[in-house]
Amino acid sequence: MKSIAKIDPIIHSAIKKEINRQKTQLVMIASENYASSAVLEATGSVMTNKYAEGYPGRRYYAGCENFDTIENIAINRANELFSSNFSNVQPHSGTQANMAAYFSLVNVGSKIMSMSLDHGGHLSHGSSVNFSGKLYDFIHYGVDPETEQLDYDEIEKLAKKFTPDLIITGYTAYPREINFKRFKEISDEVESKLLVDMSHISGLIAGNSHSSPIDFADLVTSTTHKTLRGPRGAMALSNNESIIKKFNSGVFPNTQGGPMGHSITAKAVAFYEAIDSKFSDYAKQIVINSRTLAQSMENRGFKLVSNGTDTHMILVDLRTKSMSGMEAERYLKDVGIIVNKNTIPFDPNPPMITSGIRIGTAALTTRGLVAKDMDYIGDLIYKTLTYCDDNKMKSRILNEVKEFSESFPVPGIDT
């Protein structure tokens, strides 16, 4: 970062501090990960200089021939990776991809059914404070009060009653595998479209550690970071040419202008990395690590939402610990363990307080941690939240976490 250090030492200092934070802390935010050096290089490349409104072969600017090559490669790699026929790699974010998806699948004001935010859905799945809840008529399903898992029969009953034009599955805080085939059966029965937002699990799907939605959904959206380990951005997939053409128009010119050339270049690199057989090993290890950590925490008296996990994610119900999610997040941050407070199903606390925390294993798996490390981390979490008022214990755990974290390389920084 020689140029940044010379031109803007204040920003250089802030980045250096962030590098140190990522090296010395255990990052367990379920939606975060580490991009490779190659992905970071592509993100910081000269492709950021080029304006390229439109699509390959149909641009509104001259000089796009090299960008056309890169975008076509990214499209082809996305299709190879997810066994899809068509893809769009231009969306700037998952929410913008979902916005374009709604415009391509239904009309403004149409009826849409999705999971409620407080049961694990996303803001862009119909929250009243989001564009989606303002432009469309949403009804929400949730999880079963006893199992805290999806009850497909109840979802089917709600769909028959509400008769939505679109059903959405794919979540931001649901730790169990999704039965896409069952959702397809429900959507067919009520003659609705089916949208899958696989943002959180796309890396698991690419690595064959979660079933794929591509043969069941009319359209699939996803971010390209999280478990997929690419740059910040999004994409969409479909086997229906008519729908992907509508989605293309939904992205440009409807909701975006010029695509981010540097991000699309980095997506192409990330897709290439994910096609490699080693990526499947990584995806498998994520689930092993997640299940091992879940068992470790259950063994230490923690209550887990749905009593476990099938994915990269664990949702912890802290009500048995007489502690809020906000408190637990702060206590863990103080010792260098980074998680986020999160609502749990039927949460009595407001969203800024919450009764739970969400923990992910993808970023630590990328750094090379394995199952035995997860049991150790489970013990660190237990001690931190049990002895949260013991400053000597907190200081000891902080030093333990720092020493332990520094023993693992950080992609993009150390490798």
Protein backbone atom coordinates (compact mmCIF):
# COMPACT_ATOMS: atom_id res chain seq x y z
CA MET A 1 0.00 0.00 0.00
CA LYS A 2 2.86 2.36 -0.79
CA SER A 3 0.73 4.74 -2.85
CA ILE A 4 -1.99 4.98 -0.18
CA ALA A 5 0.64 5.57 2.50
CA LYS A 6 2.08 8.44 0.50
CA ILE A 7 -1.16 10.04 -0.67
CA ASP A 8 -3.47 9.43 2.29
CA PRO A 9 -1.72 8.32 5.49
CA ILE A 10 -4.93 8.55 7.53
CA ILE A 11 -6.69 5.95 5.37
CA HIS A 12 -3.49 3.91 5.22
CA SER A 13 -3.42 3.79 9.01
CA ALA A 14 -7.06 2.70 9.20
CA ILE A 15 -6.46 -0.12 6.69
CA LYS A 16 -3.38 -1.28 8.62
CA LYS A 17 -5.47 -1.44 11.78
CA GLU A 18 -8.09 -3.51 9.94
CA ILE A 19 -5.39 -5.89 8.69
CA ASN A 20 -4.26 -6.34 12.28
CA ARG A 21 -7.84 -6.89 13.44
CA GLN A 22 -8.44 -9.58 10.86
CA LYS A 23 -5.21 -11.34 11.85
CA THR A 24 -5.71 -11.22 15.63
CA GLN A 25 -9.46 -11.79 15.99
CA LEU A 26 -11.67 -14.81 15.33
CA VAL A 27 -14.11 -13.53 12.70
CA MET A 28 -17.32 -15.56 13.05
CA ILE A 29 -19.85 -13.30 11.33
CA ALA A 30 -21.86 -15.76 9.21
CA SER A 31 -21.99 -13.39 6.24
CA GLU A 32 -18.24 -12.63 6.20
CA ASN A 33 -15.27 -14.41 4.67
CA TYR A 34 -11.77 -13.85 3.33
CA ALA A 35 -11.19 -13.27 -0.37
CA SER A 36 -8.02 -14.67 -1.93
CA SER A 37 -5.12 -12.52 -3.06
CA ALA A 38 -6.20 -13.10 -6.67
CA VAL A 39 -9.74 -11.88 -5.97
CA LEU A 40 -8.38 -8.83 -4.12
CA GLU A 41 -6.01 -8.05 -7.00
CA ALA A 42 -8.85 -8.24 -9.50
CA THR A 43 -11.01 -6.01 -7.29
CA GLY A 44 -8.23 -3.41 -7.21
CA SER A 45 -7.40 -3.66 -10.90
CA VAL A 46 -7.63 -1.14 -13.74
CA MET A 47 -11.02 -2.61 -14.65
CA THR A 48 -12.42 -0.05 -12.21
CA ASN A 49 -11.60 2.63 -14.81
CA LYS A 50 -13.97 1.40 -17.52
CA TYR A 51 -17.58 2.41 -18.06
CA ALA A 52 -19.55 -0.35 -19.79
CA GLU A 53 -23.30 0.26 -19.64
CA GLY A 54 -25.22 -2.52 -21.31
CA TYR A 55 -24.24 -6.15 -21.88
CA PRO A 56 -21.46 -7.90 -23.85
CA GLY A 57 -21.73 -7.00 -27.51
CA ARG A 58 -24.39 -4.34 -26.79
CA ARG A 59 -22.61 -1.52 -24.95
CA TYR A 60 -23.34 2.20 -24.89
CA TYR A 61 -19.64 3.08 -24.80
CA ALA A 62 -16.66 2.28 -27.03
CA GLY A 63 -13.57 0.45 -25.81
CA CYS A 64 -15.41 -2.38 -24.03
CA GLU A 65 -13.89 -5.30 -25.92
CA ASN A 66 -11.71 -6.48 -23.01
CA PHE A 67 -14.50 -6.03 -20.51
CA ASP A 68 -16.82 -8.01 -22.83
CA THR A 69 -14.31 -10.86 -22.73
CA ILE A 70 -14.15 -10.80 -18.93
CA GLU A 71 -17.91 -10.55 -18.41
CA ASN A 72 -18.56 -13.43 -20.81
CA ILE A 73 -15.99 -15.53 -18.94
CA ALA A 74 -17.70 -14.69 -15.64
CA ILE A 75 -21.10 -15.66 -17.08
CA ASN A 76 -19.81 -18.95 -18.46
CA ARG A 77 -18.04 -19.83 -15.22
CA ALA A 78 -21.13 -19.05 -13.15
CA ASN A 79 -23.16 -21.35 -15.37
CA GLU A 80 -20.55 -24.10 -15.12
CA LEU A 81 -20.27 -23.76 -11.37
CA PHE A 82 -24.00 -23.94 -10.68
CA SER A 83 -25.11 -26.04 -13.70
CA SER A 84 -27.36 -23.25 -14.96
CA ASN A 85 -28.14 -22.24 -18.53
CA PHE A 86 -28.17 -18.48 -18.05
CA SER A 87 -26.68 -15.99 -15.60
CA ASN A 88 -26.26 -12.29 -14.93
CA VAL A 89 -23.14 -11.14 -13.03
CA GLN A 90 -23.83 -7.40 -12.94
CA PRO A 91 -25.86 -6.74 -9.74
CA HIS A 92 -23.99 -4.58 -7.26
CA SER A 93 -25.54 -6.24 -4.20
CA GLY A 94 -27.92 -8.96 -3.10
CA THR A 95 -30.68 -6.47 -2.40
CA GLN A 96 -30.33 -4.94 -5.87
CA ALA A 97 -30.42 -8.43 -7.37
CA ASN A 98 -33.65 -9.10 -5.50
CA MET A 99 -35.09 -5.79 -6.65
CA ALA A 100 -34.38 -6.71 -10.27
CA ALA A 101 -35.82 -10.17 -9.60
CA TYR A 102 -39.13 -8.75 -8.39
CA PHE A 103 -39.36 -6.47 -11.41
CA SER A 104 -38.71 -9.41 -13.74
CA LEU A 105 -41.06 -11.92 -12.07
CA VAL A 106 -44.11 -9.91 -10.91
CA ASN A 107 -45.76 -6.52 -11.16
CA VAL A 108 -45.49 -3.80 -8.53
CA GLY A 109 -48.22 -4.42 -5.97
CA SER A 110 -48.24 -8.19 -6.57
CA LYS A 111 -48.61 -10.67 -3.72
CA ILE A 112 -45.37 -12.22 -2.48
CA MET A 113 -44.84 -14.80 0.26
CA SER A 114 -41.57 -15.04 2.16
CA MET A 115 -40.10 -15.79 5.57
CA SER A 116 -40.49 -13.02 8.14
CA LEU A 117 -37.40 -11.06 9.11
CA ASP A 118 -37.56 -12.13 12.77
CA HIS A 119 -37.60 -15.82 11.81
CA GLY A 120 -34.60 -15.60 9.49
CA GLY A 121 -35.71 -13.77 6.35
CA HIS A 122 -33.86 -10.83 4.79
CA LEU A 123 -34.74 -7.13 4.72
CA SER A 124 -35.29 -7.34 0.97
CA HIS A 125 -37.85 -10.13 1.47
CA GLY A 126 -40.63 -7.75 2.39
CA SER A 127 -39.57 -5.81 5.48
CA SER A 128 -41.74 -2.74 5.95
CA VAL A 129 -38.66 -0.48 6.11
CA ASN A 130 -37.29 -1.85 2.82
CA PHE A 131 -38.34 -1.05 -0.77
CA SER A 132 -39.76 -4.57 -1.06
CA GLY A 133 -42.31 -4.09 1.71
CA LYS A 134 -43.26 -0.70 0.30
CA LEU A 135 -43.82 -1.79 -3.31
CA TYR A 136 -45.30 -5.26 -2.91
CA ASP A 137 -48.01 -6.99 -0.87
CA PHE A 138 -46.14 -9.43 1.38
CA ILE A 139 -47.31 -12.14 3.70
CA HIS A 140 -44.76 -13.98 5.81
CA TYR A 141 -44.33 -17.54 6.96
CA GLY A 142 -42.13 -18.60 9.86
CA VAL A 143 -40.77 -21.68 11.58
CA ASP A 144 -42.65 -24.19 13.70
CA PRO A 145 -42.73 -23.11 17.39
CA GLU A 146 -41.64 -26.54 18.58
CA THR A 147 -38.98 -27.62 16.07
CA GLU A 148 -37.93 -24.08 15.03
CA GLN A 149 -37.67 -25.47 11.50
CA LEU A 150 -39.71 -24.95 8.36
CA ASP A 151 -43.06 -26.74 8.37
CA TYR A 152 -43.70 -27.27 4.67
CA ASP A 153 -47.28 -28.39 5.20
CA GLU A 154 -48.08 -25.15 7.02
CA ILE A 155 -46.32 -23.14 4.30
CA GLU A 156 -48.45 -24.95 1.73
CA LYS A 157 -51.64 -24.11 3.66
CA LEU A 158 -50.65 -20.44 3.84
CA ALA A 159 -49.83 -20.39 0.13
CA LYS A 160 -53.24 -21.84 -0.74
CA LYS A 161 -54.94 -19.22 1.40
CA PHE A 162 -52.88 -16.22 0.22
CA THR A 163 -52.36 -17.38 -3.43
CA PRO A 164 -49.14 -15.41 -3.95
CA ASP A 165 -47.76 -14.47 -7.34
CA LEU A 166 -44.25 -15.22 -6.05
CA ILE A 167 -42.82 -17.38 -3.25
CA ILE A 168 -39.34 -16.71 -1.87
CA THR A 169 -37.06 -19.16 -0.10
CA GLY A 170 -33.44 -18.75 1.01
CA TYR A 171 -32.64 -16.94 4.24
CA THR A 172 -30.17 -14.92 6.26
CA ALA A 173 -30.57 -16.62 9.65
CA TYR A 174 -31.88 -20.16 9.16
CA PRO A 175 -29.36 -22.93 9.96
CA ARG A 176 -31.11 -25.89 8.33
CA GLU A 177 -30.99 -27.26 4.78
CA ILE A 178 -33.84 -26.08 2.56
CA ASN A 179 -36.02 -28.52 0.61
CA PHE A 180 -36.20 -26.69 -2.72
CA LYS A 181 -38.16 -29.50 -4.35
CA ARG A 182 -40.93 -29.11 -1.77
CA PHE A 183 -41.07 -25.36 -2.38
CA LYS A 184 -41.37 -26.03 -6.11
CA GLU A 185 -44.31 -28.35 -5.47
CA ILE A 186 -46.02 -25.66 -3.38
CA SER A 187 -45.42 -22.93 -5.96
CA ASP A 188 -46.72 -25.15 -8.76
CA GLU A 189 -49.84 -25.97 -6.76
CA VAL A 190 -50.77 -22.29 -6.30
CA GLU A 191 -49.41 -21.31 -9.75
CA SER A 192 -46.82 -18.87 -8.41
CA LYS A 193 -43.26 -18.17 -9.44
CA LEU A 194 -40.43 -19.40 -7.19
CA LEU A 195 -37.43 -17.23 -6.30
CA VAL A 196 -34.50 -18.67 -4.36
CA ASP A 197 -32.12 -16.25 -2.62
CA MET A 198 -29.14 -18.51 -1.94
CA SER A 199 -26.81 -15.70 -0.81
CA HIS A 200 -25.74 -17.36 2.42
CA ILE A 201 -25.38 -20.90 1.10
CA SER A 202 -24.11 -20.39 -2.45
CA GLY A 203 -20.61 -21.55 -1.49
CA LEU A 204 -22.04 -24.69 0.08
CA ILE A 205 -24.10 -25.34 -3.04
CA ALA A 206 -21.08 -24.75 -5.31
CA GLY A 207 -19.11 -27.16 -3.13
CA ASN A 208 -21.83 -29.84 -3.15
CA SER A 209 -22.55 -29.50 0.58
CA HIS A 210 -26.14 -28.30 0.14
CA SER A 211 -28.75 -29.26 -2.43
CA SER A 212 -29.04 -26.97 -5.46
CA PRO A 213 -32.14 -24.92 -6.32
CA ILE A 214 -31.35 -24.46 -10.01
CA ASP A 215 -33.70 -27.21 -11.28
CA PHE A 216 -36.61 -25.98 -9.17
CA ALA A 217 -36.51 -22.17 -9.10
CA ASP A 218 -37.67 -19.82 -11.82
CA LEU A 219 -34.85 -17.53 -10.74
CA VAL A 220 -31.97 -17.75 -8.26
CA THR A 221 -30.22 -14.73 -6.77
CA SER A 222 -27.07 -14.67 -4.67
CA THR A 223 -24.37 -12.46 -3.32
CA THR A 224 -20.85 -13.42 -4.41
CA HIS A 225 -19.08 -12.98 -1.08
CA LYS A 226 -20.16 -14.89 2.08
CA THR A 227 -19.52 -18.64 1.67
CA LEU A 228 -18.62 -18.20 -2.03
CA ARG A 229 -15.51 -16.16 -1.07
CA GLY A 230 -15.73 -13.72 -3.96
CA PRO A 231 -15.87 -9.91 -4.05
CA ARG A 232 -18.81 -7.93 -2.70
CA GLY A 233 -21.50 -8.07 -5.33
CA ALA A 234 -24.25 -10.35 -6.60
CA MET A 235 -25.52 -12.46 -9.49
CA ALA A 236 -28.58 -14.29 -10.76
CA LEU A 237 -29.08 -17.68 -12.39
CA SER A 238 -31.91 -19.30 -14.32
CA ASN A 239 -32.67 -22.09 -16.76
CA ASN A 240 -35.44 -19.99 -18.30
CA GLU A 241 -34.23 -17.72 -21.10
CA SER A 242 -37.32 -15.52 -21.05
CA ILE A 243 -36.97 -14.86 -17.33
CA ILE A 244 -33.24 -14.07 -17.49
CA LYS A 245 -33.89 -11.60 -20.32
CA LYS A 246 -36.44 -9.85 -18.12
CA PHE A 247 -33.95 -9.94 -15.24
CA ASN A 248 -31.27 -8.40 -17.47
CA SER A 249 -33.62 -5.48 -18.15
CA GLY A 250 -34.48 -5.37 -14.46
CA VAL A 251 -30.80 -4.75 -13.71
CA PHE A 252 -29.98 -2.43 -16.62
CA PRO A 253 -31.49 -0.01 -17.33
CA ASN A 254 -34.13 -0.37 -14.60
CA THR A 255 -32.17 -0.40 -11.33
CA GLN A 256 -28.49 0.12 -12.23
CA GLY A 257 -26.36 2.09 -14.64
CA GLY A 258 -22.80 1.08 -15.37
CA PRO A 259 -21.65 -2.30 -14.05
CA MET A 260 -18.64 -2.49 -11.72
CA GLY A 261 -15.93 -3.85 -13.98
CA HIS A 262 -13.48 -4.53 -11.17
CA SER A 263 -16.10 -6.49 -9.21
CA ILE A 264 -17.17 -8.56 -12.22
CA THR A 265 -13.52 -9.33 -12.93
CA ALA A 266 -13.11 -10.51 -9.35
CA LYS A 267 -16.30 -12.58 -9.62
CA ALA A 268 -14.80 -14.36 -12.64
CA VAL A 269 -11.70 -15.18 -10.59
CA ALA A 270 -13.77 -16.36 -7.62
CA PHE A 271 -15.90 -18.61 -9.83
CA TYR A 272 -12.72 -20.13 -11.26
CA GLU A 273 -11.45 -20.82 -7.75
CA ALA A 274 -14.78 -22.40 -6.79
CA ILE A 275 -14.73 -24.75 -9.78
CA ASP A 276 -11.53 -26.29 -8.42
CA SER A 277 -12.03 -29.56 -6.52
CA LYS A 278 -10.39 -28.07 -3.43
CA PHE A 279 -13.41 -25.82 -3.02
CA SER A 280 -15.59 -28.85 -2.34
CA ASP A 281 -13.22 -29.84 0.46
CA TYR A 282 -13.58 -26.35 1.91
CA ALA A 283 -17.39 -26.45 1.71
CA LYS A 284 -17.51 -29.87 3.36
CA GLN A 285 -15.21 -28.65 6.14
CA ILE A 286 -17.46 -25.64 6.78
CA VAL A 287 -20.36 -27.94 7.65
CA ILE A 288 -18.16 -30.25 9.73
CA ASN A 289 -16.85 -27.26 11.65
CA SER A 290 -20.30 -25.80 12.13
CA ARG A 291 -21.74 -29.05 13.46
CA THR A 292 -18.74 -29.59 15.71
CA LEU A 293 -19.04 -26.10 17.17
CA ALA A 294 -22.78 -26.60 17.64
CA GLN A 295 -22.18 -29.82 19.57
CA SER A 296 -19.45 -28.17 21.61
CA MET A 297 -21.79 -25.38 22.64
CA GLU A 298 -24.68 -27.74 23.38
CA ASN A 299 -22.35 -29.78 25.58
CA ARG A 300 -21.68 -26.60 27.54
CA GLY A 301 -25.35 -25.85 28.12
CA PHE A 302 -26.20 -23.50 25.24
CA LYS A 303 -29.62 -23.72 23.59
CA LEU A 304 -29.39 -23.70 19.79
CA VAL A 305 -32.27 -22.67 17.56
CA SER A 306 -33.56 -25.84 15.82
CA ASN A 307 -31.17 -27.81 18.06
CA GLY A 308 -28.34 -27.76 15.55
CA THR A 309 -27.26 -26.87 12.04
CA ASP A 310 -26.87 -28.23 8.50
CA THR A 311 -24.97 -25.23 7.16
CA HIS A 312 -22.25 -22.71 7.99
CA MET A 313 -24.43 -21.05 10.58
CA ILE A 314 -25.42 -21.50 14.23
CA LEU A 315 -28.16 -19.48 15.92
CA VAL A 316 -27.85 -19.39 19.72
CA ASP A 317 -30.84 -18.75 22.01
CA LEU A 318 -29.41 -16.94 25.04
CA ARG A 319 -32.58 -16.75 27.10
CA THR A 320 -31.43 -19.70 29.21
CA LYS A 321 -28.29 -17.69 30.00
CA SER A 322 -30.27 -14.61 31.14
CA MET A 323 -28.32 -12.54 28.62
CA SER A 324 -29.31 -10.53 25.55
CA GLY A 325 -27.72 -10.88 22.15
CA MET A 326 -26.44 -7.32 22.38
CA GLU A 327 -24.65 -8.12 25.64
CA ALA A 328 -23.17 -11.36 24.33
CA GLU A 329 -21.93 -9.67 21.16
CA ARG A 330 -20.17 -7.03 23.27
CA TYR A 331 -18.63 -9.51 25.71
CA LEU A 332 -17.28 -11.65 22.88
CA LYS A 333 -15.96 -8.64 20.94
CA ASP A 334 -14.04 -7.56 24.05
CA VAL A 335 -11.99 -10.77 23.84
CA GLY A 336 -11.62 -10.78 20.05
CA ILE A 337 -14.40 -13.18 19.07
CA ILE A 338 -16.58 -11.44 16.49
CA VAL A 339 -20.21 -12.54 16.13
CA ASN A 340 -23.42 -10.57 15.67
CA LYS A 341 -26.52 -10.21 17.79
CA ASN A 342 -29.51 -11.70 16.02
CA THR A 343 -33.21 -12.13 16.55
CA ILE A 344 -34.42 -15.66 17.17
CA PRO A 345 -37.87 -17.03 16.28
CA PHE A 346 -40.57 -15.56 18.56
CA ASP A 347 -37.98 -13.22 20.07
CA PRO A 348 -39.36 -11.11 22.95
CA ASN A 349 -36.59 -8.52 22.54
CA PRO A 350 -36.44 -5.76 19.90
CA PRO A 351 -34.03 -6.06 16.92
CA MET A 352 -31.35 -3.85 18.46
CA ILE A 353 -31.29 -5.96 21.63
CA THR A 354 -32.27 -9.50 20.52
CA SER A 355 -32.21 -12.75 22.44
CA GLY A 356 -29.68 -14.50 20.26
CA ILE A 357 -26.37 -14.42 18.47
CA ARG A 358 -25.53 -15.73 15.00
CA ILE A 359 -22.22 -17.57 14.56
CA GLY A 360 -20.62 -18.66 11.28
CA THR A 361 -17.69 -20.95 10.48
CA ALA A 362 -16.95 -20.05 6.84
CA ALA A 363 -14.26 -17.42 7.46
CA LEU A 364 -12.39 -19.54 10.00
CA THR A 365 -12.59 -22.54 7.68
CA THR A 366 -11.00 -20.43 4.95
CA ARG A 367 -8.12 -19.77 7.37
CA GLY A 368 -7.61 -23.51 7.82
CA LEU A 369 -9.34 -24.25 11.12
CA VAL A 370 -10.73 -27.76 11.51
CA ALA A 371 -13.07 -29.62 13.86
CA LYS A 372 -10.71 -29.85 16.84
CA ASP A 373 -10.32 -26.07 16.74
CA MET A 374 -14.09 -25.64 16.93
CA ASP A 375 -14.31 -27.43 20.27
CA TYR A 376 -11.63 -25.11 21.62
CA ILE A 377 -13.52 -22.06 20.33
CA GLY A 378 -16.74 -23.39 21.88
CA ASP A 379 -14.93 -23.48 25.22
CA LEU A 380 -13.66 -19.91 24.73
CA ILE A 381 -17.20 -18.71 24.02
CA TYR A 382 -18.51 -20.54 27.07
CA LYS A 383 -15.86 -19.06 29.38
CA THR A 384 -16.32 -15.57 27.97
CA LEU A 385 -20.07 -15.53 28.52
CA THR A 386 -19.90 -17.35 31.86
CA TYR A 387 -17.22 -15.14 33.41
CA CYS A 388 -18.18 -11.91 31.64
CA ASP A 389 -17.70 -9.85 34.83
CA ASP A 390 -14.28 -11.30 35.63
CA ASN A 391 -11.72 -8.87 34.19
CA LYS A 392 -8.77 -11.19 34.84
CA MET A 393 -10.49 -14.02 32.98
CA LYS A 394 -11.41 -11.68 30.11
CA SER A 395 -7.81 -10.49 29.83
CA ARG A 396 -6.54 -14.07 29.77
CA ILE A 397 -9.06 -15.08 27.08
CA LEU A 398 -8.18 -12.00 25.00
CA ASN A 399 -4.53 -13.04 24.98
CA GLU A 400 -5.48 -16.65 24.19
CA VAL A 401 -7.63 -15.58 21.25
CA LYS A 402 -4.92 -13.30 19.86
CA GLU A 403 -2.22 -15.97 20.09
CA PHE A 404 -4.51 -18.65 18.66
CA SER A 405 -5.77 -16.47 15.80
CA GLU A 406 -2.29 -15.36 14.78
CA SER A 407 -1.27 -19.01 14.33
CA PHE A 408 -3.50 -19.26 11.25
CA PRO A 409 -2.77 -17.40 7.98
CA VAL A 410 -5.23 -14.87 6.59
CA PRO A 411 -5.81 -15.17 2.81
CA GLY A 412 -5.07 -11.91 1.02
CA ILE A 413 -2.83 -10.81 3.89
CA ASP A 414 -0.47 -13.69 4.72
CA THR A 415 -0.95 -15.73 1.55
